[in-house]
């Protein structure tokens, strides 16, 4: 049975997941904004997160004057898939790590091998 949680409490879970990223990784995340949206894009009802940007492995030159990459975390599908707050916290953490990994150029196959897909 899905759990209920207001937007503020959900945002706090995302903030905790971001805070738990090791400093040596967090310091290398550049020009990225994390956004929480209630719903995923149309046609992707089960999507939990999305990285919208250019992976660091695909960039060249200076990132000056570039719009930030975006990481989206989708609240409704995460709430619907979880039966407890602990499970939700775990899934939010996995989703955040998964999308940050895409920022570093790690693909879904490798994430699956690491247990994040």
Protein backbone atom coordinates (compact mmCIF):
# COMPACT_ATOMS: atom_id res chain seq x y z
CA UNK A 1 0.00 0.00 0.00
CA UNK A 2 1.47 3.37 -1.00
CA UNK A 3 2.43 5.76 1.75
CA UNK A 4 1.48 9.41 2.08
CA UNK A 5 3.93 12.20 2.74
CA UNK A 6 3.63 15.92 2.22
CA UNK A 7 5.95 17.76 -0.17
CA UNK A 8 8.02 19.34 2.60
CA UNK A 9 8.80 16.00 4.27
CA UNK A 10 9.60 14.44 0.89
CA UNK A 11 11.95 17.33 0.06
CA UNK A 12 13.70 16.66 3.37
CA UNK A 13 14.32 13.04 2.27
CA UNK A 14 15.89 14.29 -0.95
CA UNK A 15 18.02 16.76 1.01
CA UNK A 16 19.21 13.95 3.30
CA UNK A 17 20.07 11.78 0.30
CA UNK A 18 22.14 14.63 -1.13
CA UNK A 19 23.83 15.25 2.23
CA UNK A 20 24.78 11.56 2.41
CA UNK A 21 26.77 11.69 -0.81
CA UNK A 22 30.45 11.38 0.13
CA UNK A 23 32.31 14.70 0.02
CA UNK A 24 34.85 13.45 -2.52
CA UNK A 25 31.98 12.86 -4.96
CA UNK A 26 29.84 15.86 -4.02
CA UNK A 27 32.77 18.23 -4.61
CA UNK A 28 32.97 17.05 -8.21
CA UNK A 29 29.30 17.69 -8.97
CA UNK A 30 29.27 21.01 -10.76
CA UNK A 31 26.50 23.18 -12.15
CA UNK A 32 23.67 20.77 -11.29
CA UNK A 33 20.32 21.60 -9.73
CA UNK A 34 18.12 18.96 -8.08
CA UNK A 35 14.39 19.46 -8.48
CA UNK A 36 11.48 17.55 -6.99
CA UNK A 37 8.42 17.25 -9.21
CA UNK A 38 5.16 15.53 -8.29
CA UNK A 39 4.75 13.79 -11.65
CA UNK A 40 7.17 12.37 -14.20
CA UNK A 41 6.94 13.37 -17.88
CA UNK A 42 3.85 12.26 -19.75
CA UNK A 43 4.24 8.74 -21.05
CA UNK A 44 6.72 7.78 -18.29
CA UNK A 45 4.38 7.09 -15.33
CA UNK A 46 6.84 4.86 -13.44
CA UNK A 47 9.93 7.04 -13.85
CA UNK A 48 11.49 7.78 -10.44
CA UNK A 49 14.19 10.22 -11.51
CA UNK A 50 15.74 11.81 -14.56
CA UNK A 51 19.08 13.38 -15.40
CA UNK A 52 18.76 16.17 -17.94
CA UNK A 53 22.18 17.38 -19.00
CA UNK A 54 25.50 16.50 -20.53
CA UNK A 55 27.56 13.97 -18.62
CA UNK A 56 30.99 15.15 -17.50
CA UNK A 57 32.54 12.48 -19.71
CA UNK A 58 30.91 14.09 -22.77
CA UNK A 59 31.91 17.69 -22.07
CA UNK A 60 34.76 19.73 -23.35
CA UNK A 61 35.83 23.27 -22.66
CA UNK A 62 34.76 25.48 -19.81
CA UNK A 63 31.24 25.21 -18.33
CA UNK A 64 31.10 28.98 -17.96
CA UNK A 65 27.81 30.50 -19.03
CA UNK A 66 26.06 27.15 -19.39
CA UNK A 67 22.66 26.49 -17.90
CA UNK A 68 22.85 23.95 -15.09
CA UNK A 69 22.16 20.29 -15.64
CA UNK A 70 19.01 19.15 -13.90
CA UNK A 71 18.23 16.12 -11.80
CA UNK A 72 14.55 15.48 -11.29
CA UNK A 73 13.15 13.30 -8.50
CA UNK A 74 9.51 12.34 -9.05
CA UNK A 75 7.48 12.23 -5.84
CA UNK A 76 4.28 10.37 -6.84
CA UNK A 77 5.84 7.23 -8.32
CA UNK A 78 8.25 6.94 -5.38
CA UNK A 79 5.40 7.27 -2.89
CA UNK A 80 3.31 4.73 -4.80
CA UNK A 81 6.03 2.09 -4.90
CA UNK A 82 6.88 2.21 -1.18
CA UNK A 83 5.17 0.62 1.79
CA UNK A 84 7.10 2.39 4.56
CA UNK A 85 9.01 5.58 5.23
CA UNK A 86 12.22 3.55 5.52
CA UNK A 87 11.65 1.98 2.10
CA UNK A 88 10.88 5.43 0.68
CA UNK A 89 14.06 6.87 2.18
CA UNK A 90 16.07 4.02 0.64
CA UNK A 91 14.45 4.47 -2.79
CA UNK A 92 14.97 8.23 -2.75
CA UNK A 93 18.66 7.69 -1.89
CA UNK A 94 19.03 5.14 -4.69
CA UNK A 95 17.30 7.46 -7.15
CA UNK A 96 19.48 10.44 -6.23
CA UNK A 97 22.68 8.37 -6.49
CA UNK A 98 21.49 6.89 -9.80
CA UNK A 99 20.90 10.32 -11.36
CA UNK A 100 24.15 11.79 -10.03
CA UNK A 101 25.95 8.79 -11.52
CA UNK A 102 24.55 9.77 -14.92
CA UNK A 103 26.13 13.20 -14.39
CA UNK A 104 29.47 11.38 -14.16
CA UNK A 105 28.75 9.39 -17.32
CA UNK A 106 27.88 6.09 -15.64
CA UNK A 107 25.30 4.26 -17.74
CA UNK A 108 22.34 2.13 -16.63
CA UNK A 109 24.16 -1.15 -17.29
CA UNK A 110 26.98 -0.21 -14.90
CA UNK A 111 24.51 1.14 -12.37
CA UNK A 112 22.67 -2.18 -12.52
CA UNK A 113 25.97 -3.99 -11.80
CA UNK A 114 26.46 -1.69 -8.79
CA UNK A 115 22.89 -2.27 -7.52
CA UNK A 116 21.48 1.17 -8.40
CA UNK A 117 19.24 0.34 -11.35
